[in-house]
N, C-alpha and C. Protein backbone atom coordinates (compact mmCIF):
# COMPACT_ATOMS: atom_id res chain seq x y z
N MET A 1 -11.06 20.61 -11.23
CA MET A 1 -11.91 19.85 -10.19
C MET A 1 -12.84 18.88 -10.93
N GLU A 2 -13.47 19.24 -11.96
CA GLU A 2 -14.46 18.31 -12.60
C GLU A 2 -13.77 17.05 -13.13
N LEU A 3 -12.44 17.18 -13.56
CA LEU A 3 -11.72 15.92 -14.09
C LEU A 3 -11.42 15.08 -12.99
N GLU A 4 -11.01 15.63 -11.56
CA GLU A 4 -10.77 14.98 -10.50
C GLU A 4 -12.23 14.03 -10.00
N LYS A 5 -13.25 14.77 -10.18
CA LYS A 5 -14.63 14.13 -9.83
C LYS A 5 -14.82 12.91 -10.68
N LYS A 6 -14.63 13.14 -11.93
CA LYS A 6 -14.95 12.00 -13.06
C LYS A 6 -14.07 11.08 -12.76
N SER A 7 -12.77 11.41 -12.41
CA SER A 7 -11.70 10.16 -12.16
C SER A 7 -12.15 9.37 -10.96
N GLU A 8 -12.66 10.01 -9.87
CA GLU A 8 -13.00 9.36 -8.66
C GLU A 8 -14.32 8.39 -8.97
N GLU A 9 -15.17 9.08 -9.80
CA GLU A 9 -16.48 8.20 -10.26
C GLU A 9 -16.03 7.08 -10.95
N ILE A 10 -15.18 7.12 -11.88
CA ILE A 10 -14.69 5.95 -12.69
C ILE A 10 -14.05 5.05 -11.74
N LYS A 11 -13.38 5.44 -10.75
CA LYS A 11 -12.53 4.37 -10.00
C LYS A 11 -13.58 3.76 -9.24
N LEU A 12 -14.53 4.38 -8.56
CA LEU A 12 -15.66 3.96 -7.62
C LEU A 12 -16.53 2.78 -8.48
N ALA A 13 -16.87 3.30 -9.54
CA ALA A 13 -17.80 2.38 -10.54
C ALA A 13 -16.95 1.09 -10.93
N SER A 14 -15.66 1.26 -11.21
CA SER A 14 -14.93 0.03 -11.48
C SER A 14 -14.65 -0.85 -10.24
N ALA A 15 -14.33 -0.24 -9.23
CA ALA A 15 -14.18 -1.22 -7.98
C ALA A 15 -15.45 -1.82 -7.75
N ASP A 16 -16.51 -1.08 -7.88
CA ASP A 16 -18.00 -1.59 -7.53
C ASP A 16 -18.27 -3.01 -8.37
N ILE A 17 -18.04 -2.62 -9.71
CA ILE A 17 -18.13 -3.82 -10.76
C ILE A 17 -17.39 -4.93 -10.31
N LEU A 18 -16.17 -4.79 -9.95
CA LEU A 18 -15.22 -5.92 -9.71
C LEU A 18 -15.92 -6.52 -8.32
N HIS A 19 -16.14 -5.62 -7.42
CA HIS A 19 -16.78 -6.31 -6.13
C HIS A 19 -17.97 -7.12 -6.17
N ASN A 20 -18.85 -6.58 -7.32
CA ASN A 20 -19.93 -7.28 -7.61
C ASN A 20 -19.70 -8.61 -8.41
N SER A 21 -18.62 -8.64 -9.23
CA SER A 21 -18.12 -9.93 -9.82
C SER A 21 -17.72 -10.96 -8.85
N LEU A 22 -16.93 -10.50 -7.86
CA LEU A 22 -16.61 -11.28 -6.79
C LEU A 22 -17.80 -11.93 -6.04
N ARG A 23 -18.75 -10.96 -5.83
CA ARG A 23 -19.90 -11.64 -5.04
C ARG A 23 -20.44 -12.67 -5.92
N LEU A 24 -20.84 -12.40 -7.15
CA LEU A 24 -21.59 -13.42 -8.02
C LEU A 24 -20.67 -14.60 -8.14
N MET A 25 -19.36 -14.53 -8.42
CA MET A 25 -18.60 -15.82 -8.38
C MET A 25 -18.71 -16.42 -7.11
N LYS A 26 -18.58 -15.91 -5.97
CA LYS A 26 -18.83 -16.60 -4.71
C LYS A 26 -20.17 -17.32 -4.63
N GLN A 27 -21.22 -16.70 -5.18
CA GLN A 27 -22.48 -17.30 -5.22
C GLN A 27 -22.63 -18.43 -5.96
N LEU A 28 -21.79 -18.26 -7.25
CA LEU A 28 -21.95 -19.46 -8.19
C LEU A 28 -20.96 -20.57 -7.58
N SER A 29 -19.95 -20.28 -6.84
CA SER A 29 -19.09 -21.46 -6.27
C SER A 29 -19.89 -22.20 -5.24
N ASN A 30 -20.69 -21.44 -4.42
CA ASN A 30 -21.54 -22.10 -3.57
C ASN A 30 -22.45 -23.13 -4.19
N VAL A 31 -23.04 -22.92 -5.33
CA VAL A 31 -24.07 -23.61 -5.96
C VAL A 31 -23.30 -24.86 -6.77
N LEU A 32 -22.06 -24.41 -7.30
CA LEU A 32 -21.27 -25.29 -8.27
C LEU A 32 -20.20 -26.16 -7.52
N GLU A 33 -19.99 -25.69 -6.32
CA GLU A 33 -19.04 -26.30 -5.54
C GLU A 33 -17.80 -26.11 -6.01
N TRP A 34 -17.39 -24.93 -6.35
CA TRP A 34 -16.06 -24.50 -6.73
C TRP A 34 -15.03 -24.04 -5.74
N GLU A 35 -15.50 -23.92 -4.48
CA GLU A 35 -14.81 -23.23 -3.35
C GLU A 35 -13.21 -23.77 -3.30
N ASN A 36 -13.10 -25.04 -3.48
CA ASN A 36 -11.59 -25.64 -3.34
C ASN A 36 -10.91 -25.68 -4.71
N GLU A 37 -11.43 -25.30 -5.88
CA GLU A 37 -10.84 -25.30 -7.13
C GLU A 37 -9.92 -24.35 -7.23
N LYS A 38 -8.53 -24.84 -7.72
CA LYS A 38 -7.39 -23.91 -7.98
C LYS A 38 -8.00 -22.77 -8.92
N GLU A 39 -8.49 -23.08 -10.09
CA GLU A 39 -8.97 -22.17 -11.03
C GLU A 39 -10.00 -20.97 -10.30
N PHE A 40 -10.79 -21.44 -9.58
CA PHE A 40 -11.69 -20.44 -8.85
C PHE A 40 -10.88 -19.54 -7.75
N LYS A 41 -9.95 -20.17 -7.12
CA LYS A 41 -9.11 -19.24 -6.15
C LYS A 41 -8.22 -18.27 -7.01
N ASP A 42 -7.66 -18.81 -8.09
CA ASP A 42 -6.74 -17.98 -8.76
C ASP A 42 -7.49 -16.77 -9.44
N ASN A 43 -8.59 -17.15 -9.87
CA ASN A 43 -9.35 -16.07 -10.59
C ASN A 43 -9.95 -14.87 -9.45
N MET A 44 -10.35 -15.49 -8.37
CA MET A 44 -10.80 -14.61 -7.32
C MET A 44 -9.72 -13.76 -6.91
N TYR A 45 -8.52 -14.33 -6.72
CA TYR A 45 -7.40 -13.46 -6.47
C TYR A 45 -7.09 -12.36 -7.49
N LEU A 46 -7.11 -12.76 -8.59
CA LEU A 46 -6.81 -11.81 -9.68
C LEU A 46 -7.83 -10.68 -9.74
N ILE A 47 -9.10 -10.97 -9.72
CA ILE A 47 -10.10 -9.94 -9.75
C ILE A 47 -10.10 -9.10 -8.43
N ALA A 48 -9.93 -9.77 -7.23
CA ALA A 48 -9.69 -8.99 -6.08
C ALA A 48 -8.48 -8.07 -6.00
N THR A 49 -7.49 -8.66 -6.53
CA THR A 49 -6.18 -7.71 -6.55
C THR A 49 -6.35 -6.57 -7.46
N ILE A 50 -6.96 -6.62 -8.71
CA ILE A 50 -7.25 -5.48 -9.62
C ILE A 50 -8.07 -4.56 -8.91
N GLY A 51 -9.15 -4.99 -8.17
CA GLY A 51 -10.14 -4.34 -7.46
C GLY A 51 -9.57 -3.49 -6.37
N LEU A 52 -8.58 -4.03 -5.73
CA LEU A 52 -7.71 -3.40 -4.82
C LEU A 52 -6.72 -2.35 -5.33
N ILE A 53 -6.15 -2.52 -6.32
CA ILE A 53 -5.35 -1.64 -7.00
C ILE A 53 -6.11 -0.45 -7.49
N ILE A 54 -7.29 -0.62 -8.07
CA ILE A 54 -8.10 0.40 -8.41
C ILE A 54 -8.62 1.20 -7.23
N SER A 55 -9.08 0.61 -6.18
CA SER A 55 -9.74 1.40 -5.07
C SER A 55 -8.72 1.95 -4.13
N LYS A 56 -7.53 1.55 -4.16
CA LYS A 56 -6.50 2.16 -3.42
C LYS A 56 -5.66 3.15 -4.21
N ASP A 57 -5.76 2.95 -5.46
CA ASP A 57 -5.26 3.89 -6.32
C ASP A 57 -3.52 3.68 -6.28
N GLN A 58 -3.09 2.50 -5.94
CA GLN A 58 -1.78 2.30 -5.70
C GLN A 58 -1.23 1.12 -6.83
N TYR A 59 -0.15 1.37 -7.17
CA TYR A 59 0.49 0.33 -8.23
C TYR A 59 -0.29 0.20 -9.37
N LYS A 60 -1.05 1.32 -9.76
CA LYS A 60 -1.88 1.18 -10.89
C LYS A 60 -0.77 1.21 -12.28
N ASP A 61 -0.06 2.20 -12.18
CA ASP A 61 1.04 2.35 -13.31
C ASP A 61 1.85 0.91 -13.44
N THR A 62 2.13 0.48 -12.47
CA THR A 62 2.88 -0.92 -12.35
C THR A 62 2.12 -1.94 -13.06
N MET A 63 0.77 -1.91 -12.52
CA MET A 63 -0.12 -3.14 -13.25
C MET A 63 -0.36 -2.88 -14.53
N ILE A 64 -0.52 -1.60 -15.00
CA ILE A 64 -0.61 -1.23 -16.44
C ILE A 64 0.43 -1.81 -17.48
N TYR A 65 1.66 -1.51 -16.72
CA TYR A 65 2.90 -1.85 -17.47
C TYR A 65 2.96 -3.33 -17.65
N TYR A 66 2.62 -4.00 -16.42
CA TYR A 66 2.85 -5.61 -16.86
C TYR A 66 1.83 -6.11 -17.61
N CYS A 67 0.63 -5.55 -17.50
CA CYS A 67 -0.65 -5.99 -18.41
C CYS A 67 -0.22 -5.81 -19.90
N ARG A 68 0.40 -4.56 -20.09
CA ARG A 68 0.81 -4.38 -21.49
C ARG A 68 1.89 -5.37 -21.88
N GLU A 69 2.89 -5.68 -20.94
CA GLU A 69 3.96 -6.63 -21.38
C GLU A 69 3.35 -8.07 -21.56
N ILE A 70 2.41 -8.46 -20.73
CA ILE A 70 1.72 -9.70 -20.96
C ILE A 70 0.94 -9.83 -22.17
N VAL A 71 0.00 -8.72 -22.57
CA VAL A 71 -0.70 -8.73 -23.72
C VAL A 71 0.17 -8.79 -25.01
N ASP A 72 1.17 -8.13 -24.97
CA ASP A 72 2.13 -8.09 -25.96
C ASP A 72 2.53 -9.33 -26.46
N ASP A 73 2.73 -10.31 -25.39
CA ASP A 73 3.22 -11.63 -25.58
C ASP A 73 2.21 -12.68 -26.00
N MET A 74 0.83 -12.30 -25.90
CA MET A 74 -0.38 -12.97 -26.22
C MET A 74 -0.75 -12.65 -27.59
N GLU A 75 -1.30 -13.64 -28.38
CA GLU A 75 -2.05 -13.27 -29.59
C GLU A 75 -3.52 -13.58 -29.31
N ASP A 76 -4.48 -12.49 -29.50
CA ASP A 76 -5.84 -12.79 -29.24
C ASP A 76 -6.70 -11.96 -30.35
N ASP A 77 -7.76 -12.49 -30.62
CA ASP A 77 -8.58 -11.83 -31.70
C ASP A 77 -9.88 -11.29 -30.89
N ASP A 78 -9.96 -11.37 -29.68
CA ASP A 78 -11.01 -10.83 -28.68
C ASP A 78 -10.98 -9.20 -28.97
N ASP A 79 -12.20 -8.79 -29.53
CA ASP A 79 -12.24 -7.44 -29.60
C ASP A 79 -12.22 -6.64 -28.25
N THR A 80 -12.70 -7.18 -27.16
CA THR A 80 -12.79 -6.54 -25.99
C THR A 80 -11.42 -6.19 -25.29
N ILE A 81 -10.49 -7.16 -25.63
CA ILE A 81 -8.99 -6.99 -25.21
C ILE A 81 -8.43 -5.77 -25.99
N GLU A 82 -8.89 -5.95 -27.40
CA GLU A 82 -8.27 -4.78 -28.36
C GLU A 82 -8.80 -3.59 -27.94
N ASP A 83 -10.14 -3.31 -27.70
CA ASP A 83 -10.58 -2.09 -27.22
C ASP A 83 -10.04 -1.67 -25.93
N ALA A 84 -9.78 -2.64 -24.96
CA ALA A 84 -8.93 -2.25 -23.63
C ALA A 84 -7.71 -1.70 -23.94
N LEU A 85 -6.99 -2.40 -24.88
CA LEU A 85 -5.62 -2.00 -25.23
C LEU A 85 -5.56 -0.65 -25.88
N ASN A 86 -6.47 -0.29 -26.73
CA ASN A 86 -6.52 0.99 -27.23
C ASN A 86 -6.74 2.07 -26.26
N TYR A 87 -7.68 1.79 -25.14
CA TYR A 87 -7.74 2.75 -24.05
C TYR A 87 -6.55 2.95 -23.54
N ILE A 88 -5.83 1.91 -23.22
CA ILE A 88 -4.63 2.01 -22.28
C ILE A 88 -3.53 2.60 -22.98
N ASN A 89 -3.29 2.22 -24.40
CA ASN A 89 -2.35 3.08 -25.15
C ASN A 89 -2.60 4.61 -25.34
N ASP A 90 -3.84 4.76 -25.36
CA ASP A 90 -4.19 6.40 -25.52
C ASP A 90 -3.93 6.99 -24.06
N ALA A 91 -3.80 6.26 -23.04
CA ALA A 91 -3.55 7.07 -21.73
C ALA A 91 -2.24 7.57 -21.52
């Protein structure tokens, strides 16, 4: 039961963080006039999709699979990506 509670807390916290990111991006877009920029729309879509997958707990395994495939094709020195991959690979 404790594991299930922690899992739900993690899911809710992650979805909340992404929701706040969307809200902040929208605020920035209003100030910086990004609303019609393709880059802004694409990034908002990606963030919203990840948030939806997390909050609905659907297609998560599929998303993780595709993220692994994409990252395998990318070369990046970013420690954040490396840390995330270590967590994913340990899952």
